[in-house]
Amino acid sequence: MTLNKINRRNFVRTSLIGSVALGAGIPFHLMGNNEIEHLCILHTNDTHSRIDPYPANDPNFPLMGGYARRAALIQQIRNQVNHLLLLDAGDIFQGTPYYNIYGGEPELRLMTKMGYDASTIGNHEFDNGLDGLNEVLPFAGFPFISSNYDFSQTILNGKIETYRIFQKGNLKIGVYGLGIELEGLVGRNLYGNTTYTDPVRVARRMEMLLKEDMACDLVICLSHLGYKYNTGKVSDVIIAEKTRYTDIIIGGHTHTLLDPPAQIENTSGKIVHIGQTGYAGVRLGRMDLYFKKNSGEIFVESNTTKVLENQYL
């Protein structure tokens, strides 16, 4: 299955598939086709324990964000679509006293209530060490996915998934995760015997497994590598450029707001969509994907939505 660029002049605004809440446009040749599958991906990153909204006097995000408002927005969208995947790209922890006092338990409990399907591991998930992360993992009713961190020699052995396959309607979706290099960023005493493996090499291996061996219709990378660097450091852009089957990258770490998401050409000349929603849960990312099953064509409409007071009640 491939991702294709489609000129916006070739599609119209439509109310197809429950209005898609954000008014996605569908190309003429996809409209009315009963073989089309729709998937809505909602995503967050770097929410950093920001459970409460920002105060009214905050200079950057007045009255924005908050878990309750995010939950209301997510539920509103759930009510309008049939198939939804809710993902997070890491750094759930650290940033407010909630984490300092409770160690991440409230964040994971609330994300579970929102119905998150998966998250990857950010560097701040190590802030209370492997013991601290292990202690709160049971409160997550969703998997943490990390493909390039090897926890086999740690207390987290067997508790972090290398990949996960989701079935949404008739679509088989493979998700793998990539984490940033910990050395020099996180104290060794905090990540212990966790082993880091080159993300590009792991991404190529995981996407082949998911696409060729597992026959997934869509391959998603949950990344906490960062969007892009001037130094040549491995980033989401590099992963997109050097992979073949990865269709979507949900990114984090650099607190980048990509609205709309970036489009990067991969090794096969196809487009990889990269989404990132900035910082602190003040925006919710959304990608609406329309699959034409008989041809493998995918159309993607995407943006971010501000999480605001009383907007979703």
Protein backbone atom coordinates (compact mmCIF):
# COMPACT_ATOMS: atom_id res chain seq x y z
CA MET A 1 0.00 0.00 0.00
CA THR A 2 1.31 3.44 -0.87
CA LEU A 3 0.77 7.05 0.08
CA ASN A 4 0.14 9.34 -2.88
CA LYS A 5 0.17 13.10 -3.14
CA ILE A 6 -3.16 14.31 -4.52
CA ASN A 7 -3.51 17.90 -5.67
CA ARG A 8 -6.06 19.74 -3.53
CA ARG A 9 -7.77 21.01 -6.66
CA ASN A 10 -8.81 17.42 -7.32
CA PHE A 11 -10.94 16.97 -4.23
CA VAL A 12 -14.04 18.59 -2.75
CA ARG A 13 -15.33 19.28 0.71
CA THR A 14 -17.78 16.58 1.70
CA SER A 15 -19.80 15.23 4.58
CA LEU A 16 -18.88 11.65 3.72
CA ILE A 17 -18.24 9.30 6.63
CA GLY A 18 -19.90 11.12 9.48
CA SER A 19 -18.74 14.55 8.36
CA VAL A 20 -15.27 13.64 9.63
CA ALA A 21 -15.65 16.43 12.19
CA LEU A 22 -12.94 18.60 10.67
CA GLY A 23 -14.34 18.74 7.13
CA ALA A 24 -11.83 16.51 5.36
CA GLY A 25 -11.79 16.67 1.57
CA ILE A 26 -12.11 13.50 -0.49
CA PRO A 27 -10.94 13.18 -4.10
CA PHE A 28 -13.67 12.79 -6.72
CA HIS A 29 -12.52 9.31 -7.69
CA LEU A 30 -12.84 8.10 -4.08
CA MET A 31 -16.30 9.49 -3.38
CA GLY A 32 -19.16 7.04 -3.13
CA ASN A 33 -16.89 4.01 -3.39
CA ASN A 34 -18.02 1.32 -0.97
CA GLU A 35 -14.52 -0.17 -0.95
CA ILE A 36 -13.10 2.88 0.85
CA GLU A 37 -11.99 2.42 4.45
CA HIS A 38 -11.70 5.42 6.76
CA LEU A 39 -9.34 5.61 9.74
CA CYS A 40 -9.04 8.59 12.07
CA ILE A 41 -5.70 8.88 13.90
CA LEU A 42 -5.59 11.24 16.89
CA HIS A 43 -2.20 11.97 18.42
CA THR A 44 -0.40 13.84 21.19
CA ASN A 45 3.22 14.26 22.30
CA ASP A 46 5.23 15.89 25.08
CA THR A 47 2.21 16.51 27.29
CA HIS A 48 4.60 16.72 30.29
CA SER A 49 2.16 16.09 33.16
CA ARG A 50 0.08 19.14 32.19
CA ILE A 51 -3.13 17.74 33.68
CA ASP A 52 -4.69 21.12 34.38
CA PRO A 53 -5.24 23.83 31.75
CA TYR A 54 -2.90 26.78 31.61
CA PRO A 55 -4.08 29.78 33.64
CA ALA A 56 -5.70 32.79 31.98
CA ASN A 57 -2.58 34.91 32.46
CA ASP A 58 -0.18 32.50 30.75
CA PRO A 59 1.64 34.45 28.03
CA ASN A 60 1.73 31.55 25.55
CA PHE A 61 -1.26 29.26 26.12
CA PRO A 62 -3.93 31.12 28.15
CA LEU A 63 -6.72 28.75 29.20
CA MET A 64 -5.48 26.09 26.78
CA GLY A 65 -4.94 22.39 27.31
CA GLY A 66 -5.89 20.16 30.22
CA TYR A 67 -6.71 16.46 30.31
CA ALA A 68 -10.46 16.93 30.84
CA ARG A 69 -10.79 19.15 27.77
CA ARG A 70 -8.69 16.80 25.70
CA ALA A 71 -10.87 13.90 26.82
CA ALA A 72 -14.01 15.79 25.80
CA LEU A 73 -12.59 16.58 22.36
CA ILE A 74 -11.51 12.98 21.83
CA GLN A 75 -14.94 11.70 22.85
CA GLN A 76 -16.62 14.17 20.49
CA ILE A 77 -14.57 12.81 17.61
CA ARG A 78 -15.18 9.19 18.66
CA ASN A 79 -18.89 9.85 18.36
CA GLN A 80 -18.43 10.95 14.73
CA VAL A 81 -16.17 8.24 13.29
CA ASN A 82 -16.27 4.45 13.18
CA HIS A 83 -12.58 3.63 13.41
CA LEU A 84 -10.18 5.64 15.57
CA LEU A 85 -6.61 5.13 16.72
CA LEU A 86 -5.36 7.27 19.63
CA LEU A 87 -1.57 7.49 19.97
CA ASP A 88 1.06 9.34 22.01
CA ALA A 89 4.72 9.96 21.11
CA GLY A 90 6.22 10.09 24.59
CA ASP A 91 7.27 12.48 27.36
CA ILE A 92 4.00 11.96 29.16
CA PHE A 93 5.83 12.65 32.42
CA GLN A 94 7.61 15.61 34.06
CA GLY A 95 6.68 19.28 34.05
CA THR A 96 4.20 19.86 36.89
CA PRO A 97 3.98 18.86 40.59
CA TYR A 98 1.61 16.03 39.63
CA TYR A 99 4.59 14.04 38.44
CA ASN A 100 6.85 15.06 41.32
CA ILE A 101 4.24 13.89 43.84
CA TYR A 102 2.54 10.94 42.14
CA GLY A 103 5.22 9.68 39.75
CA GLY A 104 3.05 9.43 36.64
CA GLU A 105 0.09 7.47 38.00
CA PRO A 106 -2.57 10.15 37.32
CA GLU A 107 -1.34 10.70 33.77
CA LEU A 108 -1.56 7.01 32.90
CA ARG A 109 -4.90 6.50 34.60
CA LEU A 110 -6.41 9.45 32.73
CA MET A 111 -4.95 8.42 29.38
CA THR A 112 -6.43 4.97 29.92
CA LYS A 113 -9.85 6.51 30.51
CA MET A 114 -9.45 8.47 27.27
CA GLY A 115 -8.89 5.20 25.45
CA TYR A 116 -5.30 5.59 24.26
CA ASP A 117 -4.25 2.68 22.07
CA ALA A 118 -0.48 3.04 22.51
CA SER A 119 2.43 5.30 23.44
CA THR A 120 6.15 5.18 22.91
CA ILE A 121 8.74 5.99 25.58
CA GLY A 122 10.18 9.48 25.83
CA ASN A 123 13.37 10.39 27.66
CA HIS A 124 11.39 11.89 30.56
CA GLU A 125 9.72 8.54 31.21
CA PHE A 126 13.09 7.64 32.78
CA ASP A 127 13.12 10.58 35.21
CA ASN A 128 12.26 8.37 38.21
CA GLY A 129 14.51 5.61 36.92
CA LEU A 130 13.53 2.18 35.68
CA ASP A 131 12.05 1.36 39.09
CA GLY A 132 9.81 4.43 38.95
CA LEU A 133 8.56 3.63 35.46
CA ASN A 134 8.02 0.00 36.39
CA GLU A 135 5.98 1.04 39.43
CA VAL A 136 3.43 3.05 37.42
CA LEU A 137 3.23 0.88 34.28
CA PRO A 138 0.31 -1.15 35.69
CA PHE A 139 -1.83 1.99 35.61
CA ALA A 140 -1.52 2.16 31.81
CA GLY A 141 -4.33 0.28 30.09
CA PHE A 142 -2.43 0.56 26.83
CA PRO A 143 0.96 -0.71 25.64
CA PHE A 144 4.22 1.20 25.57
CA ILE A 145 5.95 0.38 22.28
CA SER A 146 9.69 0.73 21.83
CA SER A 147 11.59 -1.09 19.10
CA ASN A 148 15.12 0.28 19.55
CA TYR A 149 15.39 0.15 23.35
CA ASP A 150 16.33 -3.31 24.60
CA PHE A 151 15.08 -3.78 28.16
CA SER A 152 15.93 -7.47 28.39
CA GLN A 153 18.60 -6.88 31.05
CA THR A 154 16.40 -4.60 33.16
CA ILE A 155 13.38 -4.74 35.44
CA LEU A 156 11.22 -3.84 32.41
CA ASN A 157 12.03 -7.07 30.59
CA GLY A 158 8.87 -8.32 28.87
CA LYS A 159 6.84 -5.26 29.85
CA ILE A 160 7.54 -3.03 26.82
CA GLU A 161 6.30 -4.15 23.41
CA THR A 162 8.46 -4.11 20.28
CA TYR A 163 5.43 -3.56 18.05
CA ARG A 164 1.66 -3.90 18.15
CA ILE A 165 -0.85 -4.69 15.41
CA PHE A 166 -4.29 -3.10 15.58
CA GLN A 167 -7.35 -4.16 13.62
CA LYS A 168 -9.65 -1.25 12.84
CA GLY A 169 -12.53 -2.29 10.63
CA ASN A 170 -10.98 -4.07 7.65
CA LEU A 171 -7.61 -2.38 8.16
CA LYS A 172 -4.59 -4.03 9.71
CA ILE A 173 -2.31 -1.41 11.23
CA GLY A 174 1.23 -2.07 12.44
CA VAL A 175 2.82 0.29 14.97
CA TYR A 176 6.46 0.35 16.04
CA GLY A 177 8.33 2.82 18.27
CA LEU A 178 11.66 4.65 18.23
CA GLY A 179 13.36 6.39 21.14
CA ILE A 180 16.16 8.94 21.25
CA GLU A 181 19.69 8.03 22.32
CA LEU A 182 19.79 8.15 26.12
CA GLU A 183 23.53 8.56 26.69
CA GLY A 184 24.30 12.20 27.43
CA LEU A 185 20.61 13.02 27.78
CA VAL A 186 19.51 10.79 30.67
CA GLY A 187 21.67 9.79 33.62
CA ARG A 188 23.01 6.24 33.31
CA ASN A 189 21.73 5.49 36.80
CA LEU A 190 18.21 6.17 35.52
CA TYR A 191 18.18 3.93 32.45
CA GLY A 192 20.58 1.29 33.76
CA ASN A 193 21.22 -1.59 31.35
CA THR A 194 18.79 -0.35 28.72
CA THR A 195 20.48 -0.81 25.33
CA TYR A 196 19.96 1.70 22.50
CA THR A 197 20.05 0.54 18.86
CA ASP A 198 20.37 2.70 15.74
CA PRO A 199 16.83 3.90 14.88
CA VAL A 200 17.27 3.78 11.08
CA ARG A 201 18.35 0.17 11.13
CA VAL A 202 15.54 -0.76 13.51
CA ALA A 203 12.94 1.16 11.50
CA ARG A 204 13.86 -0.71 8.32
CA ARG A 205 13.66 -4.04 10.11
CA MET A 206 10.35 -3.26 11.79
CA GLU A 207 8.62 -1.90 8.70
CA MET A 208 9.62 -4.99 6.68
CA LEU A 209 8.31 -7.25 9.43
CA LEU A 210 5.00 -5.39 9.63
CA LYS A 211 4.48 -4.91 5.91
CA GLU A 212 5.93 -8.04 4.33
CA ASP A 213 5.60 -10.66 7.07
CA MET A 214 2.50 -9.40 8.89
CA ALA A 215 0.75 -7.97 5.79
CA CYS A 216 -0.25 -4.70 7.47
CA ASP A 217 -2.21 -2.21 5.37
CA LEU A 218 -0.60 0.72 7.21
CA VAL A 219 2.70 1.09 9.07
CA ILE A 220 2.99 3.79 11.75
CA CYS A 221 6.12 4.84 13.61
CA LEU A 222 5.69 6.34 17.09
CA SER A 223 8.85 8.40 17.43
CA HIS A 224 10.52 10.32 20.21
CA LEU A 225 13.55 11.18 18.10
CA GLY A 226 12.66 14.79 17.30
CA TYR A 227 11.46 16.28 14.03
CA LYS A 228 14.68 17.63 12.47
CA TYR A 229 18.20 18.74 13.40
CA ASN A 230 20.88 20.82 11.69
CA THR A 231 23.58 18.47 12.96
CA GLY A 232 22.54 15.39 11.01
CA LYS A 233 21.35 13.67 14.19
CA VAL A 234 18.77 10.95 13.52
CA SER A 235 15.31 12.51 13.36
CA ASP A 236 11.82 11.88 12.02
CA VAL A 237 12.81 13.45 8.70
CA ILE A 238 15.75 11.06 8.36
CA ILE A 239 13.59 8.06 9.27
CA ALA A 240 11.08 9.11 6.61
CA GLU A 241 13.78 9.59 3.98
CA LYS A 242 15.50 6.28 4.67
CA THR A 243 12.54 3.93 4.98
CA ARG A 244 10.29 2.27 2.43
CA TYR A 245 7.07 1.09 4.06
CA THR A 246 6.55 3.53 6.95
CA ASP A 247 3.46 5.56 6.04
CA ILE A 248 2.95 7.78 9.08
CA ILE A 249 5.33 9.11 11.74
CA ILE A 250 3.79 10.45 14.94
CA GLY A 251 6.65 12.41 16.48
CA GLY A 252 7.74 14.14 19.65
CA HIS A 253 10.73 15.43 21.67
CA THR A 254 11.45 18.69 19.81
CA HIS A 255 8.08 20.26 20.75
CA THR A 256 7.55 21.10 17.07
CA LEU A 257 4.13 22.24 15.90
CA LEU A 258 3.51 20.74 12.47
CA ASP A 259 0.22 22.16 11.26
CA PRO A 260 -0.34 20.74 8.75
CA PRO A 261 1.95 17.74 9.16
CA ALA A 262 5.12 17.55 7.09
CA GLN A 263 5.31 15.48 3.92
CA ILE A 264 8.65 13.79 3.22
CA GLU A 265 9.52 11.54 0.28
CA ASN A 266 10.79 8.07 1.18
CA THR A 267 13.15 5.70 -0.64
CA SER A 268 10.32 4.53 -2.90
CA GLY A 269 9.30 8.05 -3.86
CA LYS A 270 6.15 7.89 -1.76
CA ILE A 271 5.04 10.45 0.80
CA VAL A 272 5.46 9.93 4.55
CA HIS A 273 3.27 12.17 6.72
CA ILE A 274 4.92 13.39 9.93
CA GLY A 275 2.76 14.83 12.71
CA GLN A 276 3.76 16.62 15.92
CA THR A 277 1.56 18.82 18.09
CA GLY A 278 3.99 21.05 19.95
CA TYR A 279 4.01 20.88 23.73
CA ALA A 280 1.90 20.35 26.87
CA GLY A 281 -1.26 18.99 25.26
CA VAL A 282 -2.53 22.36 24.06
CA ARG A 283 -3.30 20.82 20.65
CA LEU A 284 -4.67 17.51 19.46
CA GLY A 285 -3.32 16.17 16.19
CA ARG A 286 -5.60 14.51 13.68
CA MET A 287 -5.04 12.55 10.50
CA ASP A 288 -7.99 11.20 8.50
CA LEU A 289 -6.90 8.42 6.17
CA TYR A 290 -9.03 7.06 3.33
CA PHE A 291 -7.96 3.71 1.88
CA LYS A 292 -9.01 2.44 -1.52
CA LYS A 293 -8.57 -1.25 -0.83
CA ASN A 294 -8.54 -2.52 -4.40
CA SER A 295 -5.69 -0.21 -5.48
CA GLY A 296 -3.83 0.41 -2.23
CA GLU A 297 -4.22 4.18 -2.64
CA ILE A 298 -4.38 6.32 0.48
CA PHE A 299 -5.60 9.91 0.79
CA VAL A 300 -4.61 11.81 3.96
CA GLU A 301 -6.25 14.95 5.35
CA SER A 302 -4.68 16.30 8.55
CA ASN A 303 -4.33 19.22 10.95
CA THR A 304 -4.23 20.08 14.66
CA THR A 305 -6.96 21.46 16.88
CA LYS A 306 -6.47 23.78 19.84
CA VAL A 307 -7.71 22.35 23.14
CA LEU A 308 -9.82 25.19 24.54
CA GLU A 309 -12.28 25.88 27.35
CA ASN A 310 -15.92 24.78 26.86
CA GLN A 311 -15.43 24.11 23.16
CA TYR A 312 -16.40 20.47 23.25
CA LEU A 313 -19.15 20.29 25.87
